Amino acid sequence: MYHQFVNEKNEGGKIKLFVTKKQFELHLKILKWLNYETITFEDLEKIGLQNRFYKKYIILTVDDGYKDNYTILYPMLKKYNMKAVIFLVSGLDYNRWTVESDNEKRFDLMSDEEVMELQNSGHIEFGGHTLTHVSFFDVDDERAREEIVKDKEITEKRLGKKLKVFAYPYGHKRKEVVEMVKECGYSFAVSTDTGSGIFTKDLFDIRRTAIDKTSLINFLRRISPRYLQYKARKYKDKF
C-alpha cells in the first residue's frame, strides 16, 4: 500500500506517507527479480480466486490519487510494464483532510485528463475512496452512505466504467459501512490492516501491507509470506 511518490525526500509531507522515485524503482526491480506479476482486481476476477496461487501475483495499491501518481508512479509502471490500483478521492482536488486536521502541506490530486490517460494506459485500475476522505468512525450512516454512493457515481461517470474495488479511508470500517459497500455493487474492499489476504474468507476486508520510506531489508521482509502471516496472527489476537 503506497500513498505518495516524491523525487526527493524534502518534497514529502510531515506525515511521511511517501517513497522517493529512486526507492520505488528499486521496489519494482526487486519484484521483477523475484518473478512477481503485478495484477489488478479486474485481473484477479478474470483469473479466479481459486487460481490465484498458480503464479506469484501481487497487487500494488495506491491511496488518494495524488498528482505524483501521474508524474512518478505512472512512468515507472510503463518502464517496467507493471500495474497498480489507485483509489481516488472524487470530491476534492487536494488533500484537504490532512491540511485541515494535521496542518499538512497541500498536495494536488490528479486532474480528470490525467486520470483518463492512466485509465486508457492498461497499467492502472481505479477504485473508490469516498468523496472527501472521511473517517467512518466520525460520521453517521446517512453521511457514510452519501460518501460511498456519490463517490462511486462520480468516479464511474468520470471513467465510463464500473468500479470493482473500494478502500476504506484510514482503514476505518464498521459493519454498517461494509454492508453499504456491498450494496453499492463493489466486488472487493481493502483495509489498512496488515496480514495475508484471506480472499476466500472476506472479500470486503482484504488486508494490505504499508510501504513507506522503509529500508530495502524491510521491504523484502514486508512482501514475504511469513511476515504477512505473522502480522495476520497479531491482528487476529487483538480481537
C-alpha atoms as a PDB file:
ATOM      1  CA  MET A   1       0.000   0.000   0.000  1.00  0.00           C
ATOM      2  CA  TYR A   2       1.515   3.275  -1.194  1.00  0.00           C
ATOM      3  CA  HIS A   3       0.293   6.871  -0.901  1.00  0.00           C
ATOM      4  CA  GLN A   4       2.700   9.447  -2.330  1.00  0.00           C
ATOM      5  CA  PHE A   5       5.797   9.485  -4.513  1.00  0.00           C
ATOM      6  CA  VAL A   6       8.429  12.237  -4.458  1.00  0.00           C
ATOM      7  CA  ASN A   7      11.613  12.945  -6.379  1.00  0.00           C
ATOM      8  CA  GLU A   8      13.499  13.949  -3.221  1.00  0.00           C
ATOM      9  CA  LYS A   9      12.711  13.386   0.475  1.00  0.00           C
ATOM     10  CA  ASN A  10      12.372  17.111   1.211  1.00  0.00           C
ATOM     11  CA  GLU A  11       9.366  17.259  -1.129  1.00  0.00           C
ATOM     12  CA  GLY A  12       7.297  14.957   1.091  1.00  0.00           C
ATOM     13  CA  GLY A  13       4.818  15.965   3.770  1.00  0.00           C
ATOM     14  CA  LYS A  14       5.303  15.773   7.512  1.00  0.00           C
ATOM     15  CA  ILE A  15       3.034  12.716   7.786  1.00  0.00           C
ATOM     16  CA  LYS A  16       5.717  10.931   5.746  1.00  0.00           C
ATOM     17  CA  LEU A  17       3.495   8.535   3.803  1.00  0.00           C
ATOM     18  CA  PHE A  18       5.781   8.694   0.782  1.00  0.00           C
ATOM     19  CA  VAL A  19       8.562   6.905  -1.037  1.00  0.00           C
ATOM     20  CA  THR A  20      11.106   8.504  -3.322  1.00  0.00           C
ATOM     21  CA  LYS A  21      11.226   7.801  -7.031  1.00  0.00           C
ATOM     22  CA  LYS A  22      14.541   6.004  -6.521  1.00  0.00           C
ATOM     23  CA  GLN A  23      13.106   3.804  -3.759  1.00  0.00           C
ATOM     24  CA  PHE A  24      10.014   2.941  -5.782  1.00  0.00           C
ATOM     25  CA  GLU A  25      12.040   1.992  -8.829  1.00  0.00           C
ATOM     26  CA  LEU A  26      14.107  -0.321  -6.633  1.00  0.00           C
ATOM     27  CA  HIS A  27      10.892  -1.914  -5.325  1.00  0.00           C
ATOM     28  CA  LEU A  28       9.753  -2.627  -8.882  1.00  0.00           C
ATOM     29  CA  LYS A  29      13.147  -4.067  -9.815  1.00  0.00           C
ATOM     30  CA  ILE A  30      13.023  -6.389  -6.814  1.00  0.00           C
ATOM     31  CA  LEU A  31       9.515  -7.571  -7.667  1.00  0.00           C
ATOM     32  CA  LYS A  32      10.679  -8.321 -11.221  1.00  0.00           C
ATOM     33  CA  TRP A  33      13.760 -10.131  -9.913  1.00  0.00           C
ATOM     34  CA  LEU A  34      11.563 -12.251  -7.612  1.00  0.00           C
ATOM     35  CA  ASN A  35       9.270 -13.083 -10.567  1.00  0.00           C
ATOM     36  CA  TYR A  36       6.190 -11.364  -9.187  1.00  0.00           C
ATOM     37  CA  GLU A  37       3.462 -10.477 -11.673  1.00  0.00           C
ATOM     38  CA  THR A  38       1.506  -7.332 -10.839  1.00  0.00           C
ATOM     39  CA  ILE A  39      -2.232  -7.600 -11.406  1.00  0.00           C
ATOM     40  CA  THR A  40      -5.355  -5.562 -10.691  1.00  0.00           C
ATOM     41  CA  PHE A  41      -8.615  -6.597  -9.046  1.00  0.00           C
ATOM     42  CA  GLU A  42     -10.147  -6.773 -12.517  1.00  0.00           C
ATOM     43  CA  ASP A  43      -7.405  -9.243 -13.442  1.00  0.00           C
ATOM     44  CA  LEU A  44      -7.991 -11.208 -10.249  1.00  0.00           C
ATOM     45  CA  GLU A  45     -11.667 -11.582 -11.069  1.00  0.00           C
ATOM     46  CA  LYS A  46     -10.760 -12.962 -14.512  1.00  0.00           C
ATOM     47  CA  ILE A  47      -8.038 -15.257 -13.156  1.00  0.00           C
ATOM     48  CA  GLY A  48     -10.399 -16.602 -10.499  1.00  0.00           C
ATOM     49  CA  LEU A  49      -9.763 -16.695  -6.771  1.00  0.00           C
ATOM     50  CA  GLN A  50      -9.185 -20.442  -6.935  1.00  0.00           C
ATOM     51  CA  ASN A  51      -6.303 -19.883  -9.402  1.00  0.00           C
ATOM     52  CA  ARG A  52      -4.541 -17.047  -7.581  1.00  0.00           C
ATOM     53  CA  PHE A  53      -1.636 -19.249  -6.419  1.00  0.00           C
ATOM     54  CA  TYR A  54      -0.703 -20.529  -9.884  1.00  0.00           C
ATOM     55  CA  LYS A  55       1.753 -17.655 -10.260  1.00  0.00           C
ATOM     56  CA  LYS A  56       3.405 -15.153  -7.918  1.00  0.00           C
ATOM     57  CA  TYR A  57       0.730 -12.496  -8.210  1.00  0.00           C
ATOM     58  CA  ILE A  58       0.872  -9.207  -6.313  1.00  0.00           C
ATOM     59  CA  ILE A  59      -1.446  -6.183  -6.321  1.00  0.00           C
ATOM     60  CA  LEU A  60       0.168  -2.761  -5.832  1.00  0.00           C
ATOM     61  CA  THR A  61      -2.350  -0.336  -4.328  1.00  0.00           C
ATOM     62  CA  VAL A  62      -2.075   3.442  -4.057  1.00  0.00           C
ATOM     63  CA  ASP A  63      -4.432   5.554  -1.957  1.00  0.00           C
ATOM     64  CA  ASP A  64      -5.897   9.018  -2.642  1.00  0.00           C
ATOM     65  CA  GLY A  65      -4.855   9.771  -6.243  1.00  0.00           C
ATOM     66  CA  TYR A  66      -2.172  12.425  -5.832  1.00  0.00           C
ATOM     67  CA  LYS A  67      -0.752  14.176  -8.888  1.00  0.00           C
ATOM     68  CA  ASP A  68       2.564  12.395  -8.323  1.00  0.00           C
ATOM     69  CA  ASN A  69       0.755   9.189  -9.307  1.00  0.00           C
ATOM     70  CA  TYR A  70       0.730  10.661 -12.811  1.00  0.00           C
ATOM     71  CA  THR A  71       4.216  12.210 -12.801  1.00  0.00           C
ATOM     72  CA  ILE A  72       6.194   9.487 -10.974  1.00  0.00           C
ATOM     73  CA  LEU A  73       4.197   6.277 -10.470  1.00  0.00           C
ATOM     74  CA  TYR A  74       2.791   6.024 -13.986  1.00  0.00           C
ATOM     75  CA  PRO A  75       6.106   6.442 -15.882  1.00  0.00           C
ATOM     76  CA  MET A  76       7.699   3.798 -13.645  1.00  0.00           C
ATOM     77  CA  LEU A  77       4.888   1.332 -14.273  1.00  0.00           C
ATOM     78  CA  LYS A  78       5.257   1.880 -18.017  1.00  0.00           C
ATOM     79  CA  LYS A  79       9.021   1.458 -17.825  1.00  0.00           C
ATOM     80  CA  TYR A  80       8.756  -1.938 -16.106  1.00  0.00           C
ATOM     81  CA  ASN A  81       5.453  -2.991 -17.703  1.00  0.00           C
ATOM     82  CA  MET A  82       3.693  -3.319 -14.366  1.00  0.00           C
ATOM     83  CA  LYS A  83       0.261  -2.450 -12.983  1.00  0.00           C
ATOM     84  CA  ALA A  84      -1.272  -0.766  -9.937  1.00  0.00           C
ATOM     85  CA  VAL A  85      -4.668   0.054  -8.436  1.00  0.00           C
ATOM     86  CA  ILE A  86      -5.310   3.685  -7.435  1.00  0.00           C
ATOM     87  CA  PHE A  87      -8.116   4.632  -5.042  1.00  0.00           C
ATOM     88  CA  LEU A  88      -9.482   8.079  -5.927  1.00  0.00           C
ATOM     89  CA  VAL A  89     -10.979  10.701  -3.617  1.00  0.00           C
ATOM     90  CA  SER A  90     -13.594  12.075  -6.010  1.00  0.00           C
ATOM     91  CA  GLY A  91     -14.935  15.205  -4.309  1.00  0.00           C
ATOM     92  CA  LEU A  92     -11.709  17.145  -3.712  1.00  0.00           C
ATOM     93  CA  ASP A  93      -8.818  18.464  -5.778  1.00  0.00           C
ATOM     94  CA  TYR A  94      -6.229  18.451  -2.962  1.00  0.00           C
ATOM     95  CA  ASN A  95      -5.557  16.720   0.383  1.00  0.00           C
ATOM     96  CA  ARG A  96      -7.961  18.828   2.414  1.00  0.00           C
ATOM     97  CA  TRP A  97      -8.379  16.072   5.017  1.00  0.00           C
ATOM     98  CA  THR A  98      -4.755  16.292   6.217  1.00  0.00           C
ATOM     99  CA  VAL A  99      -4.343  20.027   5.596  1.00  0.00           C
ATOM    100  CA  GLU A 100      -7.214  20.743   7.991  1.00  0.00           C
ATOM    101  CA  SER A 101      -6.561  18.033  10.584  1.00  0.00           C
ATOM    102  CA  ASP A 102      -2.752  17.936  10.676  1.00  0.00           C
ATOM    103  CA  ASN A 103      -1.674  21.258   9.142  1.00  0.00           C
ATOM    104  CA  GLU A 104      -0.082  19.246   6.341  1.00  0.00           C
ATOM    105  CA  LYS A 105       1.355  20.739   3.171  1.00  0.00           C
ATOM    106  CA  ARG A 106      -1.071  20.994   0.278  1.00  0.00           C
ATOM    107  CA  PHE A 107      -0.718  18.316  -2.391  1.00  0.00           C
ATOM    108  CA  ASP A 108      -2.871  18.363  -5.524  1.00  0.00           C
ATOM    109  CA  LEU A 109      -4.829  15.346  -6.687  1.00  0.00           C
ATOM    110  CA  MET A 110      -4.884  14.253 -10.328  1.00  0.00           C
ATOM    111  CA  SER A 111      -6.979  16.100 -12.886  1.00  0.00           C
ATOM    112  CA  ASP A 112      -9.685  14.434 -14.991  1.00  0.00           C
ATOM    113  CA  GLU A 113      -7.362  14.463 -18.007  1.00  0.00           C
ATOM    114  CA  GLU A 114      -4.569  12.745 -16.079  1.00  0.00           C
ATOM    115  CA  VAL A 115      -6.945  10.144 -14.670  1.00  0.00           C
ATOM    116  CA  MET A 116      -8.274   9.329 -18.136  1.00  0.00           C
ATOM    117  CA  GLU A 117      -4.770   8.920 -19.561  1.00  0.00           C
ATOM    118  CA  LEU A 118      -3.956   6.433 -16.826  1.00  0.00           C
ATOM    119  CA  GLN A 119      -7.303   4.719 -17.311  1.00  0.00           C
ATOM    120  CA  ASN A 120      -6.577   4.187 -21.017  1.00  0.00           C
ATOM    121  CA  SER A 121      -2.984   3.056 -20.487  1.00  0.00           C
ATOM    122  CA  GLY A 122      -3.708  -0.507 -19.382  1.00  0.00           C
ATOM    123  CA  HIS A 123      -1.422  -0.061 -16.371  1.00  0.00           C
ATOM    124  CA  ILE A 124      -3.985   1.281 -13.884  1.00  0.00           C
ATOM    125  CA  GLU A 125      -7.279   0.205 -12.353  1.00  0.00           C
ATOM    126  CA  PHE A 126      -9.179   2.775 -10.289  1.00  0.00           C
ATOM    127  CA  GLY A 127     -11.209   2.168  -7.163  1.00  0.00           C
ATOM    128  CA  GLY A 128     -13.454   4.185  -4.848  1.00  0.00           C
ATOM    129  CA  HIS A 129     -12.186   6.002  -1.742  1.00  0.00           C
ATOM    130  CA  THR A 130     -15.146   8.283  -0.768  1.00  0.00           C
ATOM    131  CA  LEU A 131     -15.972  11.860  -1.713  1.00  0.00           C
ATOM    132  CA  THR A 132     -13.912  13.648   0.939  1.00  0.00           C
ATOM    133  CA  HIS A 133     -11.738  11.017   2.668  1.00  0.00           C
ATOM    134  CA  VAL A 134     -13.915  10.851   5.791  1.00  0.00           C
ATOM    135  CA  SER A 135     -13.400   8.542   8.725  1.00  0.00           C
ATOM    136  CA  PHE A 136     -16.426   6.279   9.015  1.00  0.00           C
ATOM    137  CA  PHE A 137     -15.929   6.413  12.789  1.00  0.00           C
ATOM    138  CA  ASP A 138     -16.781  10.138  12.745  1.00  0.00           C
ATOM    139  CA  VAL A 139     -19.921  10.251  10.575  1.00  0.00           C
ATOM    140  CA  ASP A 140     -23.440   8.851  10.841  1.00  0.00           C
ATOM    141  CA  ASP A 141     -24.923   6.260   8.486  1.00  0.00           C
ATOM    142  CA  GLU A 142     -26.570   8.841   6.238  1.00  0.00           C
ATOM    143  CA  ARG A 143     -23.306  10.703   5.639  1.00  0.00           C
ATOM    144  CA  ALA A 144     -21.403   7.439   5.216  1.00  0.00           C
ATOM    145  CA  ARG A 145     -23.828   6.232   2.552  1.00  0.00           C
ATOM    146  CA  GLU A 146     -23.577   9.548   0.692  1.00  0.00           C
ATOM    147  CA  GLU A 147     -19.776   9.362   0.729  1.00  0.00           C
ATOM    148  CA  ILE A 148     -19.806   5.833  -0.688  1.00  0.00           C
ATOM    149  CA  VAL A 149     -22.657   6.072  -3.200  1.00  0.00           C
ATOM    150  CA  LYS A 150     -21.932   9.521  -4.661  1.00  0.00           C
ATOM    151  CA  ASP A 151     -18.223   8.781  -4.854  1.00  0.00           C
ATOM    152  CA  LYS A 152     -18.925   5.666  -6.921  1.00  0.00           C
ATOM    153  CA  GLU A 153     -21.363   7.511  -9.186  1.00  0.00           C
ATOM    154  CA  ILE A 154     -18.934  10.386  -9.816  1.00  0.00           C
ATOM    155  CA  THR A 155     -15.917   8.181 -10.479  1.00  0.00           C
ATOM    156  CA  GLU A 156     -17.805   5.772 -12.740  1.00  0.00           C
ATOM    157  CA  LYS A 157     -19.126   8.691 -14.777  1.00  0.00           C
ATOM    158  CA  ARG A 158     -15.619  10.119 -14.910  1.00  0.00           C
ATOM    159  CA  LEU A 159     -14.143   6.839 -16.164  1.00  0.00           C
ATOM    160  CA  GLY A 160     -17.056   5.496 -18.182  1.00  0.00           C
ATOM    161  CA  LYS A 161     -16.842   2.107 -16.481  1.00  0.00           C
ATOM    162  CA  LYS A 162     -17.911   0.306 -13.316  1.00  0.00           C
ATOM    163  CA  LEU A 163     -15.699   0.199 -10.241  1.00  0.00           C
ATOM    164  CA  LYS A 164     -14.956  -3.156  -8.633  1.00  0.00           C
ATOM    165  CA  VAL A 165     -12.974  -2.263  -5.516  1.00  0.00           C
ATOM    166  CA  PHE A 166     -13.253   0.184  -2.608  1.00  0.00           C
ATOM    167  CA  ALA A 167     -10.704   1.304   0.011  1.00  0.00           C
ATOM    168  CA  TYR A 168     -11.853   2.399   3.476  1.00  0.00           C
ATOM    169  CA  PRO A 169     -10.214   5.754   4.340  1.00  0.00           C
ATOM    170  CA  TYR A 170      -7.783   5.274   7.258  1.00  0.00           C
ATOM    171  CA  GLY A 171      -8.893   1.642   7.190  1.00  0.00           C
ATOM    172  CA  HIS A 172     -11.843   2.675   9.369  1.00  0.00           C
ATOM    173  CA  LYS A 173     -14.891   0.486   8.881  1.00  0.00           C
ATOM    174  CA  ARG A 174     -17.894  -0.790  10.796  1.00  0.00           C
ATOM    175  CA  LYS A 175     -20.414  -3.458   9.872  1.00  0.00           C
ATOM    176  CA  GLU A 176     -22.986  -0.932   8.601  1.00  0.00           C
ATOM    177  CA  VAL A 177     -20.395   0.602   6.277  1.00  0.00           C
ATOM    178  CA  VAL A 178     -19.278  -2.789   4.969  1.00  0.00           C
ATOM    179  CA  GLU A 179     -22.900  -3.566   4.071  1.00  0.00           C
ATOM    180  CA  MET A 180     -23.216  -0.210   2.271  1.00  0.00           C
ATOM    181  CA  VAL A 181     -20.124  -1.002   0.205  1.00  0.00           C
ATOM    182  CA  LYS A 182     -21.594  -4.379  -0.765  1.00  0.00           C
ATOM    183  CA  GLU A 183     -24.993  -2.876  -1.605  1.00  0.00           C
ATOM    184  CA  CYS A 184     -23.300  -0.267  -3.780  1.00  0.00           C
ATOM    185  CA  GLY A 185     -22.115  -3.003  -6.135  1.00  0.00           C
ATOM    186  CA  TYR A 186     -18.454  -3.414  -5.247  1.00  0.00           C
ATOM    187  CA  SER A 187     -16.854  -6.852  -5.519  1.00  0.00           C
ATOM    188  CA  PHE A 188     -13.904  -6.194  -3.181  1.00  0.00           C
ATOM    189  CA  ALA A 189     -12.876  -3.792  -0.417  1.00  0.00           C
ATOM    190  CA  VAL A 190      -9.460  -3.257   1.161  1.00  0.00           C
ATOM    191  CA  SER A 191      -8.446  -2.101   4.609  1.00  0.00           C
ATOM    192  CA  THR A 192      -5.148  -0.867   6.048  1.00  0.00           C
ATOM    193  CA  ASP A 193      -4.707  -3.830   8.391  1.00  0.00           C
ATOM    194  CA  THR A 194      -1.560  -5.797   7.635  1.00  0.00           C
ATOM    195  CA  GLY A 195      -1.565  -9.509   7.002  1.00  0.00           C
ATOM    196  CA  SER A 196      -2.049 -12.151   4.370  1.00  0.00           C
ATOM    197  CA  GLY A 197      -5.087 -11.502   2.202  1.00  0.00           C
ATOM    198  CA  ILE A 198      -7.510 -14.293   3.008  1.00  0.00           C
ATOM    199  CA  PHE A 199      -9.655 -13.698  -0.064  1.00  0.00           C
ATOM    200  CA  THR A 200     -11.902 -16.688   0.445  1.00  0.00           C
ATOM    201  CA  LYS A 201     -12.726 -15.568   3.999  1.00  0.00           C
ATOM    202  CA  ASP A 202     -13.810 -11.945   3.489  1.00  0.00           C
ATOM    203  CA  LEU A 203     -13.615 -10.092   0.178  1.00  0.00           C
ATOM    204  CA  PHE A 204     -14.585  -6.861   1.949  1.00  0.00           C
ATOM    205  CA  ASP A 205     -11.748  -6.847   4.475  1.00  0.00           C
ATOM    206  CA  ILE A 206      -8.703  -7.570   2.328  1.00  0.00           C
ATOM    207  CA  ARG A 207      -5.540  -6.697   4.210  1.00  0.00           C
ATOM    208  CA  ARG A 208      -2.623  -4.718   2.823  1.00  0.00           C
ATOM    209  CA  THR A 209       0.983  -4.059   3.770  1.00  0.00           C
ATOM    210  CA  ALA A 210       2.014  -0.418   4.136  1.00  0.00           C
ATOM    211  CA  ILE A 211       5.105   0.528   2.138  1.00  0.00           C
ATOM    212  CA  ASP A 212       6.686   3.847   3.058  1.00  0.00           C
ATOM    213  CA  LYS A 213      10.286   5.052   3.009  1.00  0.00           C
ATOM    214  CA  THR A 214      11.428   1.803   4.562  1.00  0.00           C
ATOM    215  CA  SER A 215      14.820   0.153   4.130  1.00  0.00           C
ATOM    216  CA  LEU A 216      15.493  -2.418   1.436  1.00  0.00           C
ATOM    217  CA  ILE A 217      15.643  -5.179   4.056  1.00  0.00           C
ATOM    218  CA  ASN A 218      12.285  -4.115   5.477  1.00  0.00           C
ATOM    219  CA  PHE A 219      10.743  -4.024   2.007  1.00  0.00           C
ATOM    220  CA  LEU A 220      11.878  -7.589   1.336  1.00  0.00           C
ATOM    221  CA  ARG A 221      10.553  -8.623   4.737  1.00  0.00           C
ATOM    222  CA  ARG A 222       7.186  -6.967   4.178  1.00  0.00           C
ATOM    223  CA  ILE A 223       6.494  -8.755   0.900  1.00  0.00           C
ATOM    224  CA  SER A 224       7.431 -12.158   2.320  1.00  0.00           C
ATOM    225  CA  PRO A 225       4.590 -14.608   3.079  1.00  0.00           C
ATOM    226  CA  ARG A 226       5.985 -15.324   6.561  1.00  0.00           C
ATOM    227  CA  TYR A 227       5.812 -11.661   7.559  1.00  0.00           C
ATOM    228  CA  LEU A 228       2.242 -11.356   6.301  1.00  0.00           C
ATOM    229  CA  GLN A 229       1.202 -14.477   8.185  1.00  0.00           C
ATOM    230  CA  TYR A 230       2.855 -13.160  11.365  1.00  0.00           C
ATOM    231  CA  LYS A 231       1.043  -9.816  11.079  1.00  0.00           C
ATOM    232  CA  ALA A 232      -2.229 -11.594  10.361  1.00  0.00           C
ATOM    233  CA  ARG A 233      -1.879 -13.593  13.592  1.00  0.00           C
ATOM    234  CA  LYS A 234      -1.129 -10.429  15.582  1.00  0.00           C
ATOM    235  CA  TYR A 235      -4.167  -8.715  14.077  1.00  0.00           C
ATOM    236  CA  LYS A 236      -6.365 -11.692  14.948  1.00  0.00           C
ATOM    237  CA  ASP A 237      -5.068 -11.709  18.538  1.00  0.00           C
ATOM    238  CA  LYS A 238      -6.335  -8.145  19.062  1.00  0.00           C
ATOM    239  CA  PHE A 239      -9.956  -9.318  18.905  1.00  0.00           C
END
